[in-house]
PDB file of all heavy atoms in Angstrom:
ATOM      1  N   CYS A   1      64.189  98.494 191.882  1.00  0.00           N
ATOM      2  CA  CYS A   1      65.438  98.526 192.616  1.00  0.00           C
ATOM      3  C   CYS A   1      65.402  97.819 193.933  1.00  0.00           C
ATOM      4  O   CYS A   1      66.286  97.133 194.303  1.00  0.00           O
ATOM      5  CB  CYS A   1      65.958  99.901 192.717  1.00  0.00           C
ATOM      6  SG  CYS A   1      66.562 100.708 191.142  1.00  0.00           S
ATOM      7  N   ALA A   2      64.257  98.039 194.679  1.00  0.00           N
ATOM      8  CA  ALA A   2      64.034  97.429 195.951  1.00  0.00           C
ATOM      9  C   ALA A   2      64.014  95.882 195.807  1.00  0.00           C
ATOM     10  O   ALA A   2      64.683  95.133 196.629  1.00  0.00           O
ATOM     11  CB  ALA A   2      62.777  97.928 196.602  1.00  0.00           C
ATOM     12  N   LEU A   3      63.292  95.313 194.865  1.00  0.00           N
ATOM     13  CA  LEU A   3      63.252  93.887 194.580  1.00  0.00           C
ATOM     14  C   LEU A   3      64.587  93.354 194.186  1.00  0.00           C
ATOM     15  O   LEU A   3      65.021  92.307 194.552  1.00  0.00           O
ATOM     16  CB  LEU A   3      62.153  93.572 193.609  1.00  0.00           C
ATOM     17  CG  LEU A   3      60.731  93.812 194.081  1.00  0.00           C
ATOM     18  CD1 LEU A   3      59.754  93.717 192.977  1.00  0.00           C
ATOM     19  CD2 LEU A   3      60.333  92.750 195.107  1.00  0.00           C
ATOM     20  N   ALA A   4      65.293  94.193 193.330  1.00  0.00           N
ATOM     21  CA  ALA A   4      66.585  93.731 192.893  1.00  0.00           C
ATOM     22  C   ALA A   4      67.637  93.786 194.020  1.00  0.00           C
ATOM     23  O   ALA A   4      68.506  92.823 194.122  1.00  0.00           O
ATOM     24  CB  ALA A   4      67.104  94.629 191.689  1.00  0.00           C
ATOM     25  N   ASN A   5      67.499  94.723 194.859  1.00  0.00           N
ATOM     26  CA  ASN A   5      68.395  94.752 196.078  1.00  0.00           C
ATOM     27  C   ASN A   5      68.200  93.558 196.932  1.00  0.00           C
ATOM     28  O   ASN A   5      69.182  92.942 197.474  1.00  0.00           O
ATOM     29  CB  ASN A   5      68.101  96.082 196.888  1.00  0.00           C
ATOM     30  CG  ASN A   5      68.853  96.113 198.209  1.00  0.00           C
ATOM     31  OD1 ASN A   5      68.516  95.471 199.168  1.00  0.00           O
ATOM     32  ND2 ASN A   5      69.882  96.873 198.154  1.00  0.00           N
ATOM     33  N   TYR A   6      66.884  93.146 197.073  1.00  0.00           N
ATOM     34  CA  TYR A   6      66.623  92.004 197.974  1.00  0.00           C
ATOM     35  C   TYR A   6      67.099  90.702 197.277  1.00  0.00           C
ATOM     36  O   TYR A   6      67.609  89.776 197.973  1.00  0.00           O
ATOM     37  CB  TYR A   6      65.153  91.942 198.238  1.00  0.00           C
ATOM     38  CG  TYR A   6      64.791  90.830 199.250  1.00  0.00           C
ATOM     39  CD1 TYR A   6      65.273  90.906 200.592  1.00  0.00           C
ATOM     40  CD2 TYR A   6      63.938  89.773 198.925  1.00  0.00           C
ATOM     41  CE1 TYR A   6      65.037  89.968 201.485  1.00  0.00           C
ATOM     42  CE2 TYR A   6      63.606  88.862 199.839  1.00  0.00           C
ATOM     43  CZ  TYR A   6      64.127  88.881 201.130  1.00  0.00           C
ATOM     44  OH  TYR A   6      63.828  87.929 202.085  1.00  0.00           O
ATOM     45  N   ALA A   7      67.039  90.608 195.918  1.00  0.00           N
ATOM     46  CA  ALA A   7      67.522  89.428 195.286  1.00  0.00           C
ATOM     47  C   ALA A   7      69.017  89.333 195.488  1.00  0.00           C
ATOM     48  O   ALA A   7      69.491  88.273 195.755  1.00  0.00           O
ATOM     49  CB  ALA A   7      67.275  89.636 193.774  1.00  0.00           C
ATOM     50  N   CYS A   8      69.738  90.487 195.460  1.00  0.00           N
ATOM     51  CA  CYS A   8      71.215  90.394 195.802  1.00  0.00           C
ATOM     52  C   CYS A   8      71.470  89.893 197.233  1.00  0.00           C
ATOM     53  O   CYS A   8      72.375  89.178 197.434  1.00  0.00           O
ATOM     54  CB  CYS A   8      71.888  91.832 195.616  1.00  0.00           C
ATOM     55  SG  CYS A   8      71.906  92.409 193.909  1.00  0.00           S
ATOM     56  N   ARG A   9      70.628  90.350 198.144  1.00  0.00           N
ATOM     57  CA  ARG A   9      70.775  89.892 199.528  1.00  0.00           C
ATOM     58  C   ARG A   9      70.535  88.443 199.711  1.00  0.00           C
ATOM     59  O   ARG A   9      71.034  87.811 200.571  1.00  0.00           O
ATOM     60  CB  ARG A   9      69.820  90.652 200.412  1.00  0.00           C
ATOM     61  CG  ARG A   9      70.292  92.108 200.625  1.00  0.00           C
ATOM     62  CD  ARG A   9      69.102  93.153 200.964  1.00  0.00           C
ATOM     63  NE  ARG A   9      68.350  92.733 202.150  1.00  0.00           N
ATOM     64  CZ  ARG A   9      67.283  93.291 202.598  1.00  0.00           C
ATOM     65  NH1 ARG A   9      66.753  94.298 201.845  1.00  0.00           N
ATOM     66  NH2 ARG A   9      66.689  92.911 203.640  1.00  0.00           N
ATOM     67  N   LEU A  10      69.772  87.917 198.754  1.00  0.00           N
ATOM     68  CA  LEU A  10      69.597  86.394 198.774  1.00  0.00           C
ATOM     69  C   LEU A  10      70.529  85.597 197.930  1.00  0.00           C
ATOM     70  O   LEU A  10      70.384  84.428 197.768  1.00  0.00           O
ATOM     71  CB  LEU A  10      68.102  86.054 198.243  1.00  0.00           C
ATOM     72  CG  LEU A  10      66.937  86.627 199.121  1.00  0.00           C
ATOM     73  CD1 LEU A  10      65.663  86.165 198.509  1.00  0.00           C
ATOM     74  CD2 LEU A  10      67.018  86.062 200.553  1.00  0.00           C
ATOM     75  N   GLY A  11      71.541  86.354 197.344  1.00  0.00           N
ATOM     76  CA  GLY A  11      72.559  85.717 196.639  1.00  0.00           C
ATOM     77  C   GLY A  11      72.274  85.568 195.159  1.00  0.00           C
ATOM     78  O   GLY A  11      73.007  84.851 194.448  1.00  0.00           O
ATOM     79  N   LEU A  12      71.243  86.281 194.641  1.00  0.00           N
ATOM     80  CA  LEU A  12      70.868  86.193 193.254  1.00  0.00           C
ATOM     81  C   LEU A  12      71.571  87.390 192.482  1.00  0.00           C
ATOM     82  O   LEU A  12      71.572  88.504 193.052  1.00  0.00           O
ATOM     83  CB  LEU A  12      69.393  86.172 193.002  1.00  0.00           C
ATOM     84  CG  LEU A  12      68.630  85.036 193.682  1.00  0.00           C
ATOM     85  CD1 LEU A  12      67.163  85.256 193.570  1.00  0.00           C
ATOM     86  CD2 LEU A  12      69.019  83.702 192.993  1.00  0.00           C
ATOM     87  N   SER A  13      71.959  87.202 191.269  1.00  0.00           N
ATOM     88  CA  SER A  13      72.536  88.343 190.551  1.00  0.00           C
ATOM     89  C   SER A  13      71.483  89.168 189.958  1.00  0.00           C
ATOM     90  O   SER A  13      70.456  88.635 189.478  1.00  0.00           O
ATOM     91  CB  SER A  13      73.531  87.841 189.459  1.00  0.00           C
ATOM     92  OG  SER A  13      72.833  86.877 188.567  1.00  0.00           O
ATOM     93  N   SER A  14      71.676  90.522 189.927  1.00  0.00           N
ATOM     94  CA  SER A  14      70.754  91.458 189.288  1.00  0.00           C
ATOM     95  C   SER A  14      71.598  92.464 188.398  1.00  0.00           C
ATOM     96  O   SER A  14      72.734  92.608 188.736  1.00  0.00           O
ATOM     97  CB  SER A  14      69.907  92.215 190.353  1.00  0.00           C
ATOM     98  OG  SER A  14      69.140  91.258 191.090  1.00  0.00           O
ATOM     99  N   GLN A  15      70.883  93.032 187.521  1.00  0.00           N
ATOM    100  CA  GLN A  15      71.529  94.122 186.716  1.00  0.00           C
ATOM    101  C   GLN A  15      70.449  95.032 186.214  1.00  0.00           C
ATOM    102  O   GLN A  15      69.373  94.565 185.745  1.00  0.00           O
ATOM    103  CB  GLN A  15      72.345  93.569 185.600  1.00  0.00           C
ATOM    104  CG  GLN A  15      73.469  94.603 185.169  1.00  0.00           C
ATOM    105  CD  GLN A  15      74.652  93.803 184.584  1.00  0.00           C
ATOM    106  OE1 GLN A  15      74.578  92.778 184.147  1.00  0.00           O
ATOM    107  NE2 GLN A  15      75.777  94.477 184.584  1.00  0.00           N
ATOM    108  N   PHE A  16      70.725  96.385 186.277  1.00  0.00           N
ATOM    109  CA  PHE A  16      69.774  97.379 185.874  1.00  0.00           C
ATOM    110  C   PHE A  16      70.153  98.034 184.569  1.00  0.00           C
ATOM    111  O   PHE A  16      71.294  98.411 184.344  1.00  0.00           O
ATOM    112  CB  PHE A  16      69.666  98.542 186.968  1.00  0.00           C
ATOM    113  CG  PHE A  16      68.707  99.552 186.654  1.00  0.00           C
ATOM    114  CD1 PHE A  16      67.420  99.570 187.244  1.00  0.00           C
ATOM    115  CD2 PHE A  16      69.125 100.644 185.882  1.00  0.00           C
ATOM    116  CE1 PHE A  16      66.545 100.660 186.926  1.00  0.00           C
ATOM    117  CE2 PHE A  16      68.232 101.711 185.626  1.00  0.00           C
ATOM    118  CZ  PHE A  16      66.925 101.683 186.096  1.00  0.00           C
ATOM    119  N   TYR A  17      69.198  98.113 183.665  1.00  0.00           N
ATOM    120  CA  TYR A  17      69.451  98.834 182.340  1.00  0.00           C
ATOM    121  C   TYR A  17      68.219  99.661 182.021  1.00  0.00           C
ATOM    122  O   TYR A  17      67.022  99.202 182.190  1.00  0.00           O
ATOM    123  CB  TYR A  17      69.673  97.857 181.239  1.00  0.00           C
ATOM    124  CG  TYR A  17      70.959  97.200 181.237  1.00  0.00           C
ATOM    125  CD1 TYR A  17      71.098  95.940 181.803  1.00  0.00           C
ATOM    126  CD2 TYR A  17      72.134  97.803 180.715  1.00  0.00           C
ATOM    127  CE1 TYR A  17      72.339  95.248 181.800  1.00  0.00           C
ATOM    128  CE2 TYR A  17      73.406  97.175 180.736  1.00  0.00           C
ATOM    129  CZ  TYR A  17      73.437  95.869 181.275  1.00  0.00           C
ATOM    130  OH  TYR A  17      74.653  95.320 181.253  1.00  0.00           O
ATOM    131  N   ARG A  18      68.432 100.863 181.461  1.00  0.00           N
ATOM    132  CA  ARG A  18      67.367 101.564 180.802  1.00  0.00           C
ATOM    133  C   ARG A  18      67.293 101.005 179.398  1.00  0.00           C
ATOM    134  O   ARG A  18      68.318 100.751 178.777  1.00  0.00           O
ATOM    135  CB  ARG A  18      67.636 103.029 180.790  1.00  0.00           C
ATOM    136  CG  ARG A  18      67.488 103.755 182.100  1.00  0.00           C
ATOM    137  CD  ARG A  18      67.623 105.245 181.932  1.00  0.00           C
ATOM    138  NE  ARG A  18      66.479 105.850 181.235  1.00  0.00           N
ATOM    139  CZ  ARG A  18      66.619 106.350 180.008  1.00  0.00           C
ATOM    140  NH1 ARG A  18      67.722 106.383 179.348  1.00  0.00           N
ATOM    141  NH2 ARG A  18      65.534 106.817 179.356  1.00  0.00           N
ATOM    142  N   VAL A  19      66.131 100.717 178.890  1.00  0.00           N
ATOM    143  CA  VAL A  19      65.970  99.985 177.638  1.00  0.00           C
ATOM    144  C   VAL A  19      66.670 100.748 176.424  1.00  0.00           C
ATOM    145  O   VAL A  19      67.390 100.031 175.692  1.00  0.00           O
ATOM    146  CB  VAL A  19      64.451  99.901 177.267  1.00  0.00           C
ATOM    147  CG1 VAL A  19      64.264  99.278 175.888  1.00  0.00           C
ATOM    148  CG2 VAL A  19      63.806  98.879 178.253  1.00  0.00           C
ATOM    149  N   PRO A  20      66.608 102.040 176.311  1.00  0.00           N
ATOM    150  CA  PRO A  20      67.317 102.751 175.202  1.00  0.00           C
ATOM    151  C   PRO A  20      68.842 102.475 175.229  1.00  0.00           C
ATOM    152  O   PRO A  20      69.475 102.226 174.196  1.00  0.00           O
ATOM    153  CB  PRO A  20      66.998 104.202 175.397  1.00  0.00           C
ATOM    154  CG  PRO A  20      65.733 104.209 176.101  1.00  0.00           C
ATOM    155  CD  PRO A  20      65.838 103.036 177.077  1.00  0.00           C
ATOM    156  N   ILE A  21      69.402 102.477 176.492  1.00  0.00           N
ATOM    157  CA  ILE A  21      70.821 102.355 176.589  1.00  0.00           C
ATOM    158  C   ILE A  21      71.232 100.861 176.275  1.00  0.00           C
ATOM    159  O   ILE A  21      72.247 100.596 175.611  1.00  0.00           O
ATOM    160  CB  ILE A  21      71.357 102.735 177.983  1.00  0.00           C
ATOM    161  CG1 ILE A  21      71.123 104.303 178.161  1.00  0.00           C
ATOM    162  CG2 ILE A  21      72.811 102.330 178.199  1.00  0.00           C
ATOM    163  CD1 ILE A  21      71.453 104.782 179.536  1.00  0.00           C
ATOM    164  N   LEU A  22      70.385  99.934 176.712  1.00  0.00           N
ATOM    165  CA  LEU A  22      70.734  98.535 176.505  1.00  0.00           C
ATOM    166  C   LEU A  22      70.578  98.182 175.032  1.00  0.00           C
ATOM    167  O   LEU A  22      71.441  97.484 174.490  1.00  0.00           O
ATOM    168  CB  LEU A  22      69.662  97.654 177.261  1.00  0.00           C
ATOM    169  CG  LEU A  22      69.899  96.174 177.035  1.00  0.00           C
ATOM    170  CD1 LEU A  22      71.218  95.662 177.445  1.00  0.00           C
ATOM    171  CD2 LEU A  22      68.710  95.424 177.842  1.00  0.00           C
ATOM    172  N   MET A  23      69.652  98.814 174.381  1.00  0.00           N
ATOM    173  CA  MET A  23      69.449  98.571 172.925  1.00  0.00           C
ATOM    174  C   MET A  23      70.674  99.103 172.164  1.00  0.00           C
ATOM    175  O   MET A  23      71.193  98.543 171.175  1.00  0.00           O
ATOM    176  CB  MET A  23      68.201  99.168 172.408  1.00  0.00           C
ATOM    177  CG  MET A  23      66.910  98.538 172.861  1.00  0.00           C
ATOM    178  SD  MET A  23      66.875  96.807 172.400  1.00  0.00           S
ATOM    179  CE  MET A  23      67.339  95.951 173.937  1.00  0.00           C
ATOM    180  N   GLU A  24      71.248 100.267 172.596  1.00  0.00           N
ATOM    181  CA  GLU A  24      72.463 100.807 171.968  1.00  0.00           C
ATOM    182  C   GLU A  24      73.687  99.875 172.175  1.00  0.00           C
ATOM    183  O   GLU A  24      74.387  99.673 171.243  1.00  0.00           O
ATOM    184  CB  GLU A  24      72.677 102.230 172.538  1.00  0.00           C
ATOM    185  CG  GLU A  24      71.808 103.292 172.095  1.00  0.00           C
ATOM    186  CD  GLU A  24      72.144 104.637 172.702  1.00  0.00           C
ATOM    187  OE1 GLU A  24      73.231 104.776 173.258  1.00  0.00           O
ATOM    188  OE2 GLU A  24      71.462 105.610 172.505  1.00  0.00           O
ATOM    189  N   SER A  25      73.682  99.345 173.329  1.00  0.00           N
ATOM    190  CA  SER A  25      74.832  98.412 173.580  1.00  0.00           C
ATOM    191  C   SER A  25      74.750  97.089 172.738  1.00  0.00           C
ATOM    192  O   SER A  25      75.725  96.615 172.301  1.00  0.00           O
ATOM    193  CB  SER A  25      74.938  98.063 175.053  1.00  0.00           C
ATOM    194  OG  SER A  25      73.867  97.192 175.444  1.00  0.00           O
TER     195      SER A  25
END
């Protein structure tokens, strides 16, 4: 999450998923 937060601060898009939930989707 810390690295993803910094990516957002640099203008890069991020998204978090737990693998089981992503597989269901």
